[in-house]
Amino acid sequence: QVQLVESGGGLVQAGGSLRLSCVASGRTFSSYTMGWFRQAPGKERAFVAAISRGGSSTYYADSVKDRFTISRDNAKNTVYLQMNSLKPEDTAVYYCAAKSSAVLTTTLYQYWGQGTRVTVSS
């Protein structure tokens, strides 16, 4: 069982930056592929980024590529999402997720956080 707690959301102007954090419970954090998803108002939850267990491989949605960076610190049981050049369309609740599978491109995750809200004003 893994419990995930996100933080770092807030209100930011377009063009600004935010860094989201997600802290995981347990001693097996490094055995999970980690991902970030988001759900905008009135839309379905969408994949944002994923990172491999050791952190050497990453995968991004086209909409955030070159603007967002996912990283992890296994010593701190934490995964991050650095978001730069934010746009109003990035407004959403952002969720951290974990899965046992090592495949970055699949979106079936077993554990989810409660989400943190990001609002980008124009």
PDB file of N, CA and C in Angstrom:
ATOM      1  N   GLN A   1       0.843  -1.191   0.000  1.00  0.00           N
ATOM      2  CA  GLN A   1       0.000   0.000   0.000  1.00  0.00           C
ATOM      3  C   GLN A   1       0.881   1.246   0.000  1.00  0.00           C
ATOM      4  N   VAL A   2       0.506   2.205  -0.820  1.00  0.00           N
ATOM      5  CA  VAL A   2       1.244   3.462  -0.912  1.00  0.00           C
ATOM      6  C   VAL A   2       0.260   4.599  -0.718  1.00  0.00           C
ATOM      7  N   GLN A   3       0.609   5.528   0.125  1.00  0.00           N
ATOM      8  CA  GLN A   3      -0.184   6.744   0.286  1.00  0.00           C
ATOM      9  C   GLN A   3       0.583   7.917  -0.283  1.00  0.00           C
ATOM     10  N   LEU A   4      -0.115   8.751  -1.040  1.00  0.00           N
ATOM     11  CA  LEU A   4       0.510   9.854  -1.751  1.00  0.00           C
ATOM     12  C   LEU A   4      -0.126  11.164  -1.331  1.00  0.00           C
ATOM     13  N   VAL A   5       0.710  12.160  -1.055  1.00  0.00           N
ATOM     14  CA  VAL A   5       0.208  13.468  -0.651  1.00  0.00           C
ATOM     15  C   VAL A   5       0.897  14.542  -1.493  1.00  0.00           C
ATOM     16  N   GLU A   6       0.084  15.249  -2.278  1.00  0.00           N
ATOM     17  CA  GLU A   6       0.601  16.308  -3.131  1.00  0.00           C
ATOM     18  C   GLU A   6       0.585  17.652  -2.413  1.00  0.00           C
ATOM     19  N   SER A   7       1.434  18.546  -2.858  1.00  0.00           N
ATOM     20  CA  SER A   7       1.452  19.922  -2.362  1.00  0.00           C
ATOM     21  C   SER A   7       2.085  20.805  -3.428  1.00  0.00           C
ATOM     22  N   GLY A   8       1.959  22.107  -3.235  1.00  0.00           N
ATOM     23  CA  GLY A   8       2.615  23.046  -4.132  1.00  0.00           C
ATOM     24  C   GLY A   8       1.707  23.766  -5.107  1.00  0.00           C
ATOM     25  N   GLY A   9       0.441  23.393  -5.126  1.00  0.00           N
ATOM     26  CA  GLY A   9      -0.470  24.071  -6.032  1.00  0.00           C
ATOM     27  C   GLY A   9      -0.760  25.491  -5.576  1.00  0.00           C
ATOM     28  N   GLY A  10      -1.419  26.245  -6.444  1.00  0.00           N
ATOM     29  CA  GLY A  10      -1.757  27.619  -6.104  1.00  0.00           C
ATOM     30  C   GLY A  10      -2.156  28.408  -7.322  1.00  0.00           C
ATOM     31  N   LEU A  11      -2.184  29.719  -7.134  1.00  0.00           N
ATOM     32  CA  LEU A  11      -2.561  30.649  -8.197  1.00  0.00           C
ATOM     33  C   LEU A  11      -1.293  31.304  -8.744  1.00  0.00           C
ATOM     34  N   VAL A  12      -1.167  31.290 -10.058  1.00  0.00           N
ATOM     35  CA  VAL A  12       0.008  31.882 -10.695  1.00  0.00           C
ATOM     36  C   VAL A  12      -0.423  32.559 -11.987  1.00  0.00           C
ATOM     37  N   GLN A  13       0.291  33.584 -12.373  1.00  0.00           N
ATOM     38  CA  GLN A  13      -0.014  34.275 -13.623  1.00  0.00           C
ATOM     39  C   GLN A  13       0.553  33.494 -14.810  1.00  0.00           C
ATOM     40  N   ALA A  14      -0.054  33.676 -15.947  1.00  0.00           N
ATOM     41  CA  ALA A  14       0.446  33.049 -17.166  1.00  0.00           C
ATOM     42  C   ALA A  14       1.904  33.431 -17.381  1.00  0.00           C
ATOM     43  N   GLY A  15       2.694  32.439 -17.768  1.00  0.00           N
ATOM     44  CA  GLY A  15       4.118  32.636 -17.939  1.00  0.00           C
ATOM     45  C   GLY A  15       4.936  32.316 -16.710  1.00  0.00           C
ATOM     46  N   GLY A  16       4.263  32.142 -15.590  1.00  0.00           N
ATOM     47  CA  GLY A  16       4.944  31.857 -14.335  1.00  0.00           C
ATOM     48  C   GLY A  16       5.268  30.387 -14.159  1.00  0.00           C
ATOM     49  N   SER A  17       5.777  30.080 -12.969  1.00  0.00           N
ATOM     50  CA  SER A  17       6.224  28.716 -12.669  1.00  0.00           C
ATOM     51  C   SER A  17       5.686  28.257 -11.324  1.00  0.00           C
ATOM     52  N   LEU A  18       5.538  26.951 -11.198  1.00  0.00           N
ATOM     53  CA  LEU A  18       5.194  26.306  -9.937  1.00  0.00           C
ATOM     54  C   LEU A  18       5.921  24.975  -9.881  1.00  0.00           C
ATOM     55  N   ARG A  19       6.210  24.525  -8.667  1.00  0.00           N
ATOM     56  CA  ARG A  19       6.748  23.179  -8.492  1.00  0.00           C
ATOM     57  C   ARG A  19       5.832  22.395  -7.568  1.00  0.00           C
ATOM     58  N   LEU A  20       5.302  21.325  -8.087  1.00  0.00           N
ATOM     59  CA  LEU A  20       4.480  20.426  -7.290  1.00  0.00           C
ATOM     60  C   LEU A  20       5.357  19.337  -6.684  1.00  0.00           C
ATOM     61  N   SER A  21       4.973  18.916  -5.487  1.00  0.00           N
ATOM     62  CA  SER A  21       5.660  17.813  -4.813  1.00  0.00           C
ATOM     63  C   SER A  21       4.648  16.749  -4.432  1.00  0.00           C
ATOM     64  N   CYS A  22       5.117  15.546  -4.368  1.00  0.00           N
ATOM     65  CA  CYS A  22       4.270  14.425  -3.942  1.00  0.00           C
ATOM     66  C   CYS A  22       5.123  13.521  -3.066  1.00  0.00           C
ATOM     67  N   VAL A  23       4.729  13.407  -1.809  1.00  0.00           N
ATOM     68  CA  VAL A  23       5.461  12.561  -0.874  1.00  0.00           C
ATOM     69  C   VAL A  23       4.717  11.242  -0.703  1.00  0.00           C
ATOM     70  N   ALA A  24       5.459  10.152  -0.799  1.00  0.00           N
ATOM     71  CA  ALA A  24       4.877   8.820  -0.680  1.00  0.00           C
ATOM     72  C   ALA A  24       5.245   8.186   0.660  1.00  0.00           C
ATOM     73  N   SER A  25       4.289   7.448   1.211  1.00  0.00           N
ATOM     74  CA  SER A  25       4.571   6.698   2.431  1.00  0.00           C
ATOM     75  C   SER A  25       5.196   5.366   2.076  1.00  0.00           C
ATOM     76  N   GLY A  26       5.775   4.721   3.047  1.00  0.00           N
ATOM     77  CA  GLY A  26       6.317   3.392   2.823  1.00  0.00           C
ATOM     78  C   GLY A  26       7.791   3.405   2.453  1.00  0.00           C
ATOM     79  N   ARG A  27       8.380   2.213   2.469  1.00  0.00           N
ATOM     80  CA  ARG A  27       9.810   2.100   2.229  1.00  0.00           C
ATOM     81  C   ARG A  27      10.120   1.540   0.853  1.00  0.00           C
ATOM     82  N   THR A  28       9.098   1.422  -0.015  1.00  0.00           N
ATOM     83  CA  THR A  28       9.318   0.822  -1.322  1.00  0.00           C
ATOM     84  C   THR A  28       9.091   1.815  -2.447  1.00  0.00           C
ATOM     85  N   PHE A  29       9.245   3.083  -2.161  1.00  0.00           N
ATOM     86  CA  PHE A  29       8.978   4.131  -3.164  1.00  0.00           C
ATOM     87  C   PHE A  29       9.760   3.881  -4.440  1.00  0.00           C
ATOM     88  N   SER A  30      10.996   3.469  -4.320  1.00  0.00           N
ATOM     89  CA  SER A  30      11.850   3.289  -5.491  1.00  0.00           C
ATOM     90  C   SER A  30      11.425   2.122  -6.375  1.00  0.00           C
ATOM     91  N   SER A  31      10.474   1.337  -5.934  1.00  0.00           N
ATOM     92  CA  SER A  31       9.992   0.223  -6.755  1.00  0.00           C
ATOM     93  C   SER A  31       8.786   0.605  -7.605  1.00  0.00           C
ATOM     94  N   TYR A  32       8.360   1.854  -7.535  1.00  0.00           N
ATOM     95  CA  TYR A  32       7.190   2.318  -8.273  1.00  0.00           C
ATOM     96  C   TYR A  32       7.546   3.312  -9.362  1.00  0.00           C
ATOM     97  N   THR A  33       6.920   3.114 -10.506  1.00  0.00           N
ATOM     98  CA  THR A  33       6.881   4.162 -11.525  1.00  0.00           C
ATOM     99  C   THR A  33       5.923   5.233 -11.020  1.00  0.00           C
ATOM    100  N   MET A  34       6.321   6.482 -11.165  1.00  0.00           N
ATOM    101  CA  MET A  34       5.486   7.581 -10.668  1.00  0.00           C
ATOM    102  C   MET A  34       4.988   8.429 -11.835  1.00  0.00           C
ATOM    103  N   GLY A  35       3.799   8.971 -11.661  1.00  0.00           N
ATOM    104  CA  GLY A  35       3.228   9.796 -12.706  1.00  0.00           C
ATOM    105  C   GLY A  35       2.465  10.981 -12.150  1.00  0.00           C
ATOM    106  N   TRP A  36       2.243  11.946 -13.019  1.00  0.00           N
ATOM    107  CA  TRP A  36       1.382  13.085 -12.718  1.00  0.00           C
ATOM    108  C   TRP A  36       0.250  13.115 -13.760  1.00  0.00           C
ATOM    109  N   PHE A  37      -0.932  13.392 -13.275  1.00  0.00           N
ATOM    110  CA  PHE A  37      -2.108  13.558 -14.117  1.00  0.00           C
ATOM    111  C   PHE A  37      -2.768  14.871 -13.731  1.00  0.00           C
ATOM    112  N   ARG A  38      -3.683  15.319 -14.562  1.00  0.00           N
ATOM    113  CA  ARG A  38      -4.452  16.518 -14.224  1.00  0.00           C
ATOM    114  C   ARG A  38      -5.867  16.408 -14.733  1.00  0.00           C
ATOM    115  N   GLN A  39      -6.749  17.098 -14.039  1.00  0.00           N
ATOM    116  CA  GLN A  39      -8.141  17.138 -14.454  1.00  0.00           C
ATOM    117  C   GLN A  39      -8.609  18.574 -14.445  1.00  0.00           C
ATOM    118  N   ALA A  40      -8.883  19.078 -15.630  1.00  0.00           N
ATOM    119  CA  ALA A  40      -9.376  20.440 -15.787  1.00  0.00           C
ATOM    120  C   ALA A  40     -10.883  20.444 -15.566  1.00  0.00           C
ATOM    121  N   PRO A  41     -11.448  21.601 -15.220  1.00  0.00           N
ATOM    122  CA  PRO A  41     -12.888  21.684 -14.994  1.00  0.00           C
ATOM    123  C   PRO A  41     -13.685  21.195 -16.202  1.00  0.00           C
ATOM    124  N   GLY A  42     -14.590  20.272 -15.976  1.00  0.00           N
ATOM    125  CA  GLY A  42     -15.435  19.769 -17.040  1.00  0.00           C
ATOM    126  C   GLY A  42     -14.791  18.789 -17.984  1.00  0.00           C
ATOM    127  N   LYS A  43     -13.567  18.369 -17.668  1.00  0.00           N
ATOM    128  CA  LYS A  43     -12.844  17.449 -18.555  1.00  0.00           C
ATOM    129  C   LYS A  43     -12.434  16.192 -17.786  1.00  0.00           C
ATOM    130  N   GLU A  44     -12.072  15.170 -18.540  1.00  0.00           N
ATOM    131  CA  GLU A  44     -11.584  13.941 -17.932  1.00  0.00           C
ATOM    132  C   GLU A  44     -10.133  14.111 -17.483  1.00  0.00           C
ATOM    133  N   ARG A  45      -9.763  13.253 -16.560  1.00  0.00           N
ATOM    134  CA  ARG A  45      -8.383  13.273 -16.092  1.00  0.00           C
ATOM    135  C   ARG A  45      -7.444  12.880 -17.227  1.00  0.00           C
ATOM    136  N   ALA A  46      -6.323  13.582 -17.330  1.00  0.00           N
ATOM    137  CA  ALA A  46      -5.397  13.379 -18.437  1.00  0.00           C
ATOM    138  C   ALA A  46      -3.969  13.176 -17.919  1.00  0.00           C
ATOM    139  N   PHE A  47      -3.244  12.354 -18.629  1.00  0.00           N
ATOM    140  CA  PHE A  47      -1.843  12.082 -18.295  1.00  0.00           C
ATOM    141  C   PHE A  47      -0.995  13.328 -18.543  1.00  0.00           C
ATOM    142  N   VAL A  48      -0.024  13.564 -17.660  1.00  0.00           N
ATOM    143  CA  VAL A  48       0.886  14.694 -17.818  1.00  0.00           C
ATOM    144  C   VAL A  48       2.328  14.202 -18.010  1.00  0.00           C
ATOM    145  N   ALA A  49       2.804  13.384 -17.073  1.00  0.00           N
ATOM    146  CA  ALA A  49       4.210  12.959 -17.130  1.00  0.00           C
ATOM    147  C   ALA A  49       4.408  11.717 -16.282  1.00  0.00           C
ATOM    148  N   ALA A  50       5.466  10.962 -16.606  1.00  0.00           N
ATOM    149  CA  ALA A  50       5.826   9.779 -15.831  1.00  0.00           C
ATOM    150  C   ALA A  50       7.332   9.677 -15.721  1.00  0.00           C
ATOM    151  N   ILE A  51       7.782   8.998 -14.668  1.00  0.00           N
ATOM    152  CA  ILE A  51       9.210   8.823 -14.449  1.00  0.00           C
ATOM    153  C   ILE A  51       9.468   7.405 -13.969  1.00  0.00           C
ATOM    154  N   SER A  52      10.562   6.845 -14.443  1.00  0.00           N
ATOM    155  CA  SER A  52      10.896   5.470 -14.108  1.00  0.00           C
ATOM    156  C   SER A  52      11.340   5.342 -12.652  1.00  0.00           C
ATOM    157  N   ARG A  53      11.465   4.122 -12.206  1.00  0.00           N
ATOM    158  CA  ARG A  53      11.766   3.854 -10.802  1.00  0.00           C
ATOM    159  C   ARG A  53      13.057   4.515 -10.332  1.00  0.00           C
ATOM    160  N   GLY A  54      14.074   4.459 -11.177  1.00  0.00           N
ATOM    161  CA  GLY A  54      15.352   5.050 -10.808  1.00  0.00           C
ATOM    162  C   GLY A  54      15.492   6.506 -11.212  1.00  0.00           C
ATOM    163  N   GLY A  55      14.551   6.974 -12.015  1.00  0.00           N
ATOM    164  CA  GLY A  55      14.568   8.372 -12.430  1.00  0.00           C
ATOM    165  C   GLY A  55      15.298   8.645 -13.731  1.00  0.00           C
ATOM    166  N   SER A  56      15.792   7.614 -14.382  1.00  0.00           N
ATOM    167  CA  SER A  56      16.596   7.846 -15.586  1.00  0.00           C
ATOM    168  C   SER A  56      15.762   8.059 -16.833  1.00  0.00           C
ATOM    169  N   SER A  57      14.502   7.641 -16.802  1.00  0.00           N
ATOM    170  CA  SER A  57      13.639   7.774 -17.981  1.00  0.00           C
ATOM    171  C   SER A  57      12.389   8.554 -17.622  1.00  0.00           C
ATOM    172  N   THR A  58      11.969   9.391 -18.562  1.00  0.00           N
ATOM    173  CA  THR A  58      10.757  10.184 -18.374  1.00  0.00           C
ATOM    174  C   THR A  58       9.918  10.144 -19.637  1.00  0.00           C
ATOM    175  N   TYR A  59       8.658  10.496 -19.477  1.00  0.00           N
ATOM    176  CA  TYR A  59       7.711  10.495 -20.594  1.00  0.00           C
ATOM    177  C   TYR A  59       6.698  11.590 -20.340  1.00  0.00           C
ATOM    178  N   TYR A  60       6.380  12.377 -21.393  1.00  0.00           N
ATOM    179  CA  TYR A  60       5.515  13.534 -21.231  1.00  0.00           C
ATOM    180  C   TYR A  60       4.380  13.541 -22.252  1.00  0.00           C
ATOM    181  N   ALA A  61       3.298  14.147 -21.840  1.00  0.00           N
ATOM    182  CA  ALA A  61       2.245  14.466 -22.794  1.00  0.00           C
ATOM    183  C   ALA A  61       2.755  15.577 -23.708  1.00  0.00           C
ATOM    184  N   ASP A  62       2.327  15.547 -24.945  1.00  0.00           N
ATOM    185  CA  ASP A  62       2.782  16.558 -25.910  1.00  0.00           C
ATOM    186  C   ASP A  62       2.472  17.975 -25.434  1.00  0.00           C
ATOM    187  N   SER A  63       1.366  18.133 -24.732  1.00  0.00           N
ATOM    188  CA  SER A  63       0.914  19.474 -24.334  1.00  0.00           C
ATOM    189  C   SER A  63       1.839  20.125 -23.299  1.00  0.00           C
ATOM    190  N   VAL A  64       2.671  19.342 -22.628  1.00  0.00           N
ATOM    191  CA  VAL A  64       3.539  19.905 -21.586  1.00  0.00           C
ATOM    192  C   VAL A  64       5.013  19.715 -21.893  1.00  0.00           C
ATOM    193  N   LYS A  65       5.309  18.999 -22.944  1.00  0.00           N
ATOM    194  CA  LYS A  65       6.706  18.742 -23.291  1.00  0.00           C
ATOM    195  C   LYS A  65       7.453  20.052 -23.457  1.00  0.00           C
ATOM    196  N   ASP A  66       8.652  20.111 -22.956  1.00  0.00           N
ATOM    197  CA  ASP A  66       9.533  21.291 -23.019  1.00  0.00           C
ATOM    198  C   ASP A  66       9.124  22.399 -22.053  1.00  0.00           C
ATOM    199  N   ARG A  67       8.026  22.228 -21.326  1.00  0.00           N
ATOM    200  CA  ARG A  67       7.625  23.210 -20.306  1.00  0.00           C
ATOM    201  C   ARG A  67       7.652  22.605 -18.907  1.00  0.00           C
ATOM    202  N   PHE A  68       7.292  21.341 -18.791  1.00  0.00           N
ATOM    203  CA  PHE A  68       7.221  20.663 -17.497  1.00  0.00           C
ATOM    204  C   PHE A  68       8.365  19.667 -17.380  1.00  0.00           C
ATOM    205  N   THR A  69       8.841  19.471 -16.153  1.00  0.00           N
ATOM    206  CA  THR A  69       9.888  18.481 -15.889  1.00  0.00           C
ATOM    207  C   THR A  69       9.511  17.648 -14.667  1.00  0.00           C
ATOM    208  N   ILE A  70       9.494  16.344 -14.844  1.00  0.00           N
ATOM    209  CA  ILE A  70       9.240  15.441 -13.729  1.00  0.00           C
ATOM    210  C   ILE A  70      10.578  14.926 -13.216  1.00  0.00           C
ATOM    211  N   SER A  71      10.683  14.824 -11.914  1.00  0.00           N
ATOM    212  CA  SER A  71      11.900  14.293 -11.295  1.00  0.00           C
ATOM    213  C   SER A  71      11.521  13.599  -9.992  1.00  0.00           C
ATOM    214  N   ARG A  72      12.453  12.877  -9.431  1.00  0.00           N
ATOM    215  CA  ARG A  72      12.177  12.188  -8.173  1.00  0.00           C
ATOM    216  C   ARG A  72      13.436  12.115  -7.325  1.00  0.00           C
ATOM    217  N   ASP A  73      13.204  12.037  -6.024  1.00  0.00           N
ATOM    218  CA  ASP A  73      14.284  11.851  -5.062  1.00  0.00           C
ATOM    219  C   ASP A  73      13.891  10.639  -4.221  1.00  0.00           C
ATOM    220  N   ASN A  74      14.458   9.496  -4.528  1.00  0.00           N
ATOM    221  CA  ASN A  74      14.059   8.274  -3.838  1.00  0.00           C
ATOM    222  C   ASN A  74      14.470   8.277  -2.366  1.00  0.00           C
ATOM    223  N   ALA A  75      15.485   9.022  -2.031  1.00  0.00           N
ATOM    224  CA  ALA A  75      15.882   9.120  -0.623  1.00  0.00           C
ATOM    225  C   ALA A  75      14.846   9.869   0.198  1.00  0.00           C
ATOM    226  N   LYS A  76      14.087  10.724  -0.467  1.00  0.00           N
ATOM    227  CA  LYS A  76      13.059  11.516   0.214  1.00  0.00           C
ATOM    228  C   LYS A  76      11.646  11.023  -0.089  1.00  0.00           C
ATOM    229  N   ASN A  77      11.544   9.923  -0.826  1.00  0.00           N
ATOM    230  CA  ASN A  77      10.218   9.392  -1.197  1.00  0.00           C
ATOM    231  C   ASN A  77       9.347  10.456  -1.865  1.00  0.00           C
ATOM    232  N   THR A  78       9.947  11.246  -2.726  1.00  0.00           N
ATOM    233  CA  THR A  78       9.237  12.392  -3.291  1.00  0.00           C
ATOM    234  C   THR A  78       9.411  12.446  -4.805  1.00  0.00           C
ATOM    235  N   VAL A  79       8.321  12.780  -5.471  1.00  0.00           N
ATOM    236  CA  VAL A  79       8.356  13.058  -6.904  1.00  0.00           C
ATOM    237  C   VAL A  79       7.911  14.506  -7.103  1.00  0.00           C
ATOM    238  N   TYR A  80       8.517  15.155  -8.079  1.00  0.00           N
ATOM    239  CA  TYR A  80       8.268  16.570  -8.324  1.00  0.00           C
ATOM    240  C   TYR A  80       7.747  16.787  -9.743  1.00  0.00           C
ATOM    241  N   LEU A  81       7.046  17.890  -9.911  1.00  0.00           N
ATOM    242  CA  LEU A  81       6.671  18.342 -11.242  1.00  0.00           C
ATOM    243  C   LEU A  81       6.972  19.834 -11.307  1.00  0.00           C
ATOM    244  N   GLN A  82       8.039  20.176 -12.012  1.00  0.00           N
ATOM    245  CA  GLN A  82       8.392  21.576 -12.228  1.00  0.00           C
ATOM    246  C   GLN A  82       7.634  22.066 -13.458  1.00  0.00           C
ATOM    247  N   MET A  83       6.836  23.091 -13.270  1.00  0.00           N
ATOM    248  CA  MET A  83       5.996  23.598 -14.350  1.00  0.00           C
ATOM    249  C   MET A  83       6.417  25.023 -14.678  1.00  0.00           C
ATOM    250  N   ASN A  84       6.902  25.225 -15.884  1.00  0.00           N
ATOM    251  CA  ASN A  84       7.337  26.543 -16.347  1.00  0.00           C
ATOM    252  C   ASN A  84       6.462  27.015 -17.496  1.00  0.00           C
ATOM    253  N   SER A  85       6.545  28.287 -17.774  1.00  0.00           N
ATOM    254  CA  SER A  85       5.772  28.884 -18.879  1.00  0.00           C
ATOM    255  C   SER A  85       4.316  28.456 -18.820  1.00  0.00           C
ATOM    256  N   LEU A  86       3.734  28.596 -17.656  1.00  0.00           N
ATOM    257  CA  LEU A  86       2.365  28.128 -17.457  1.00  0.00           C
ATOM    258  C   LEU A  86       1.373  28.921 -18.287  1.00  0.00           C
ATOM    259  N   LYS A  87       0.337  28.230 -18.733  1.00  0.00           N
ATOM    260  CA  LYS A  87      -0.706  28.804 -19.561  1.00  0.00           C
ATOM    261  C   LYS A  87      -2.048  28.641 -18.845  1.00  0.00           C
ATOM    262  N   PRO A  88      -3.021  29.466 -19.168  1.00  0.00           N
ATOM    263  CA  PRO A  88      -4.348  29.300 -18.546  1.00  0.00           C
ATOM    264  C   PRO A  88      -4.912  27.889 -18.748  1.00  0.00           C
ATOM    265  N   GLU A  89      -4.599  27.270 -19.868  1.00  0.00           N
ATOM    266  CA  GLU A  89      -5.111  25.921 -20.122  1.00  0.00           C
ATOM    267  C   GLU A  89      -4.445  24.849 -19.261  1.00  0.00           C
ATOM    268  N   ASP A  90      -3.436  25.231 -18.489  1.00  0.00           N
ATOM    269  CA  ASP A  90      -2.841  24.301 -17.523  1.00  0.00           C
ATOM    270  C   ASP A  90      -3.627  24.262 -16.214  1.00  0.00           C
ATOM    271  N   THR A  91      -4.619  25.123 -16.082  1.00  0.00           N
ATOM    272  CA  THR A  91      -5.453  25.135 -14.889  1.00  0.00           C
ATOM    273  C   THR A  91      -6.142  23.790 -14.704  1.00  0.00           C
ATOM    274  N   ALA A  92      -5.937  23.197 -13.540  1.00  0.00           N
ATOM    275  CA  ALA A  92      -6.485  21.862 -13.284  1.00  0.00           C
ATOM    276  C   ALA A  92      -6.148  21.453 -11.859  1.00  0.00           C
ATOM    277  N   VAL A  93      -6.767  20.358 -11.443  1.00  0.00           N
ATOM    278  CA  VAL A  93      -6.307  19.671 -10.237  1.00  0.00           C
ATOM    279  C   VAL A  93      -5.264  18.651 -10.687  1.00  0.00           C
ATOM    280  N   TYR A  94      -4.115  18.685 -10.055  1.00  0.00           N
ATOM    281  CA  TYR A  94      -3.010  17.810 -10.423  1.00  0.00           C
ATOM    282  C   TYR A  94      -2.898  16.669  -9.419  1.00  0.00           C
ATOM    283  N   TYR A  95      -2.798  15.460  -9.960  1.00  0.00           N
ATOM    284  CA  TYR A  95      -2.744  14.262  -9.133  1.00  0.00           C
ATOM    285  C   TYR A  95      -1.418  13.536  -9.343  1.00  0.00           C
ATOM    286  N   CYS A  96      -0.889  13.044  -8.248  1.00  0.00           N
ATOM    287  CA  CYS A  96       0.273  12.174  -8.263  1.00  0.00           C
ATOM    288  C   CYS A  96      -0.228  10.724  -8.237  1.00  0.00           C
ATOM    289  N   ALA A  97       0.476   9.829  -8.923  1.00  0.00           N
ATOM    290  CA  ALA A  97       0.057   8.437  -8.957  1.00  0.00           C
ATOM    291  C   ALA A  97       1.272   7.516  -8.995  1.00  0.00           C
ATOM    292  N   ALA A  98       1.056   6.274  -8.549  1.00  0.00           N
ATOM    293  CA  ALA A  98       2.124   5.280  -8.516  1.00  0.00           C
ATOM    294  C   ALA A  98       1.633   3.964  -9.098  1.00  0.00           C
ATOM    295  N   LYS A  99       2.539   3.264  -9.775  1.00  0.00           N
ATOM    296  CA  LYS A  99       2.197   1.954 -10.294  1.00  0.00           C
ATOM    297  C   LYS A  99       3.399   1.023 -10.229  1.00  0.00           C
ATOM    298  N   SER A 100       3.114  -0.268 -10.181  1.00  0.00           N
ATOM    299  CA  SER A 100       4.181  -1.262 -10.117  1.00  0.00           C
ATOM    300  C   SER A 100       4.818  -1.500 -11.474  1.00  0.00           C
ATOM    301  N   SER A 101       4.038  -1.329 -12.540  1.00  0.00           N
ATOM    302  CA  SER A 101       4.550  -1.564 -13.888  1.00  0.00           C
ATOM    303  C   SER A 101       5.688  -0.615 -14.214  1.00  0.00           C
ATOM    304  N   ALA A 102       6.681  -1.121 -14.937  1.00  0.00           N
ATOM    305  CA  ALA A 102       7.814  -0.293 -15.341  1.00  0.00           C
ATOM    306  C   ALA A 102       7.574   0.419 -16.665  1.00  0.00           C
ATOM    307  N   VAL A 103       6.431   0.142 -17.284  1.00  0.00           N
ATOM    308  CA  VAL A 103       6.143   0.746 -18.587  1.00  0.00           C
ATOM    309  C   VAL A 103       5.660   2.169 -18.390  1.00  0.00           C
ATOM    310  N   LEU A 104       6.388   3.125 -18.937  1.00  0.00           N
ATOM    311  CA  LEU A 104       6.046   4.528 -18.718  1.00  0.00           C
ATOM    312  C   LEU A 104       4.802   4.963 -19.485  1.00  0.00           C
ATOM    313  N   THR A 105       4.555   4.347 -20.623  1.00  0.00           N
ATOM    314  CA  THR A 105       3.519   4.852 -21.523  1.00  0.00           C
ATOM    315  C   THR A 105       2.108   4.391 -21.195  1.00  0.00           C
ATOM    316  N   THR A 106       1.945   3.462 -20.280  1.00  0.00           N
ATOM    317  CA  THR A 106       0.595   3.060 -19.903  1.00  0.00           C
ATOM    318  C   THR A 106       0.084   3.955 -18.793  1.00  0.00           C
ATOM    319  N   THR A 107      -1.243   4.103 -18.724  1.00  0.00           N
ATOM    320  CA  THR A 107      -1.823   5.043 -17.766  1.00  0.00           C
ATOM    321  C   THR A 107      -2.638   4.361 -16.677  1.00  0.00           C
ATOM    322  N   LEU A 108      -2.426   3.058 -16.492  1.00  0.00           N
ATOM    323  CA  LEU A 108      -3.132   2.348 -15.433  1.00  0.00           C
ATOM    324  C   LEU A 108      -2.275   2.401 -14.169  1.00  0.00           C
ATOM    325  N   TYR A 109      -2.669   3.236 -13.228  1.00  0.00           N
ATOM    326  CA  TYR A 109      -1.940   3.416 -11.988  1.00  0.00           C
ATOM    327  C   TYR A 109      -2.770   2.860 -10.834  1.00  0.00           C
ATOM    328  N   GLN A 110      -2.068   2.344  -9.836  1.00  0.00           N
ATOM    329  CA  GLN A 110      -2.757   1.672  -8.732  1.00  0.00           C
ATOM    330  C   GLN A 110      -3.043   2.597  -7.552  1.00  0.00           C
ATOM    331  N   TYR A 111      -2.209   3.587  -7.359  1.00  0.00           N
ATOM    332  CA  TYR A 111      -2.352   4.446  -6.193  1.00  0.00           C
ATOM    333  C   TYR A 111      -2.411   5.909  -6.618  1.00  0.00           C
ATOM    334  N   TRP A 112      -3.255   6.665  -5.921  1.00  0.00           N
ATOM    335  CA  TRP A 112      -3.497   8.058  -6.291  1.00  0.00           C
ATOM    336  C   TRP A 112      -3.480   8.945  -5.053  1.00  0.00           C
ATOM    337  N   GLY A 113      -2.993  10.174  -5.241  1.00  0.00           N
ATOM    338  CA  GLY A 113      -3.109  11.182  -4.212  1.00  0.00           C
ATOM    339  C   GLY A 113      -4.448  11.888  -4.293  1.00  0.00           C
ATOM    340  N   GLN A 114      -4.631  12.864  -3.419  1.00  0.00           N
ATOM    341  CA  GLN A 114      -5.916  13.561  -3.349  1.00  0.00           C
ATOM    342  C   GLN A 114      -5.971  14.762  -4.279  1.00  0.00           C
ATOM    343  N   GLY A 115      -4.828  15.158  -4.806  1.00  0.00           N
ATOM    344  CA  GLY A 115      -4.783  16.244  -5.771  1.00  0.00           C
ATOM    345  C   GLY A 115      -4.424  17.583  -5.156  1.00  0.00           C
ATOM    346  N   THR A 116      -3.857  18.441  -5.986  1.00  0.00           N
ATOM    347  CA  THR A 116      -3.554  19.815  -5.597  1.00  0.00           C
ATOM    348  C   THR A 116      -3.962  20.716  -6.754  1.00  0.00           C
ATOM    349  N   ARG A 117      -4.608  21.817  -6.426  1.00  0.00           N
ATOM    350  CA  ARG A 117      -5.203  22.672  -7.468  1.00  0.00           C
ATOM    351  C   ARG A 117      -4.196  23.695  -7.958  1.00  0.00           C
ATOM    352  N   VAL A 118      -4.138  23.818  -9.272  1.00  0.00           N
ATOM    353  CA  VAL A 118      -3.307  24.834  -9.928  1.00  0.00           C
ATOM    354  C   VAL A 118      -4.223  25.708 -10.768  1.00  0.00           C
ATOM    355  N   THR A 119      -4.127  27.012 -10.550  1.00  0.00           N
ATOM    356  CA  THR A 119      -4.908  27.964 -11.323  1.00  0.00           C
ATOM    357  C   THR A 119      -3.962  28.955 -11.971  1.00  0.00           C
ATOM    358  N   VAL A 120      -4.065  29.065 -13.284  1.00  0.00           N
ATOM    359  CA  VAL A 120      -3.207  29.982 -14.039  1.00  0.00           C
ATOM    360  C   VAL A 120      -4.086  31.089 -14.595  1.00  0.00           C
ATOM    361  N   SER A 121      -3.808  32.297 -14.172  1.00  0.00           N
ATOM    362  CA  SER A 121      -4.613  33.436 -14.619  1.00  0.00           C
ATOM    363  C   SER A 121      -3.971  34.081 -15.851  1.00  0.00           C
ATOM    364  N   SER A 122      -4.839  34.629 -16.709  1.00  0.00           N
ATOM    365  CA  SER A 122      -4.337  35.243 -17.951  1.00  0.00           C
ATOM    366  C   SER A 122      -4.031  36.713 -17.755  1.00  0.00           C
TER     367      SER A 122
END
